[in-house]
Amino acid sequence: MKRKPQVRPEPVVSPEILESAKRSFATDRMKAPVKCVVCGGEAPGGTAEQLCWVCRRLKISAWRDVEQQVPAQE
């Protein structure tokens, strides 16, 4: 018995768009890791705050604590 010849599906995305997406992804990977301004740990490069995830969580929880204390003082 012979196998049926396999039909190659047509690409959904044009090769030019696919290649530009691969290049942009590669440049994002090559960026040097940013240091956290508080503890010096590794922070994601895309944020303007330059905080690692731990310091960011601490900042958010501190905001919540401040918001809860203000009504109690009035």
Protein backbone atom coordinates (compact mmCIF):
# COMPACT_ATOMS: atom_id res chain seq x y z
CA MET A 1 0.00 0.00 0.00
CA LYS A 2 1.10 3.50 -0.75
CA ARG A 3 0.59 6.41 1.57
CA LYS A 4 -1.25 9.47 0.41
CA PRO A 5 1.04 12.38 -0.31
CA GLN A 6 0.82 14.86 2.52
CA VAL A 7 -0.56 18.23 1.55
CA ARG A 8 1.28 21.15 3.09
CA PRO A 9 -1.19 23.62 4.57
CA GLU A 10 -0.97 27.22 3.44
CA PRO A 11 0.49 29.53 6.08
CA VAL A 12 -2.08 31.69 7.85
CA VAL A 13 0.39 34.49 8.59
CA SER A 14 2.55 35.90 5.83
CA PRO A 15 6.26 35.03 6.13
CA GLU A 16 7.23 38.73 6.32
CA ILE A 17 5.03 39.36 9.35
CA LEU A 18 6.23 36.16 11.00
CA GLU A 19 9.87 37.11 10.48
CA SER A 20 9.38 40.63 11.90
CA ALA A 21 7.63 39.16 14.95
CA LYS A 22 10.55 36.78 15.51
CA ARG A 23 13.04 39.65 15.27
CA SER A 24 11.14 41.86 17.72
CA PHE A 25 10.88 38.97 20.18
CA ALA A 26 14.61 38.31 19.90
CA THR A 27 15.47 41.96 20.67
CA ASP A 28 13.25 41.88 23.76
CA ARG A 29 15.13 38.84 25.03
CA MET A 30 18.55 40.43 24.59
CA LYS A 31 17.82 43.41 26.87
CA ALA A 32 19.90 43.39 30.01
CA PRO A 33 17.95 42.73 33.21
CA VAL A 34 17.15 45.85 35.19
CA LYS A 35 18.12 46.03 38.87
CA CYS A 36 15.46 46.81 41.45
CA VAL A 37 15.97 50.31 42.90
CA VAL A 38 15.06 49.10 46.41
CA CYS A 39 16.74 45.73 46.94
CA GLY A 40 18.95 45.29 43.86
CA GLY A 41 17.15 42.16 42.68
CA GLU A 42 16.21 41.46 39.08
CA ALA A 43 13.27 43.57 37.90
CA PRO A 44 11.33 43.25 34.64
CA GLY A 45 12.63 45.68 32.03
CA GLY A 46 9.26 46.79 30.69
CA THR A 47 8.08 48.66 33.79
CA ALA A 48 8.83 52.29 34.57
CA GLU A 49 8.98 51.63 38.33
CA GLN A 50 12.08 49.41 38.15
CA LEU A 51 10.90 47.29 41.10
CA CYS A 52 11.23 43.54 41.50
CA TRP A 53 8.05 41.59 42.14
CA VAL A 54 8.66 41.43 45.89
CA CYS A 55 9.17 45.18 46.33
CA ARG A 56 6.22 45.89 44.04
CA ARG A 57 3.95 43.70 46.22
CA LEU A 58 5.23 45.42 49.36
CA LYS A 59 4.49 48.81 47.80
CA ILE A 60 0.95 47.77 46.87
CA SER A 61 0.27 46.37 50.34
CA ALA A 62 1.62 49.56 51.94
CA TRP A 63 -0.80 51.61 49.81
CA ARG A 64 -3.66 49.43 51.03
CA ASP A 65 -2.60 49.90 54.65
CA VAL A 66 -2.47 53.68 54.23
CA GLU A 67 -5.92 53.76 52.61
CA GLN A 68 -7.39 51.75 55.49
CA GLN A 69 -5.82 53.94 58.19
CA VAL A 70 -7.01 57.32 56.85
CA PRO A 71 -10.75 56.83 57.61
CA ALA A 72 -9.96 55.57 61.11
CA GLN A 73 -8.09 58.78 62.01
CA GLU A 74 -10.91 61.13 61.01
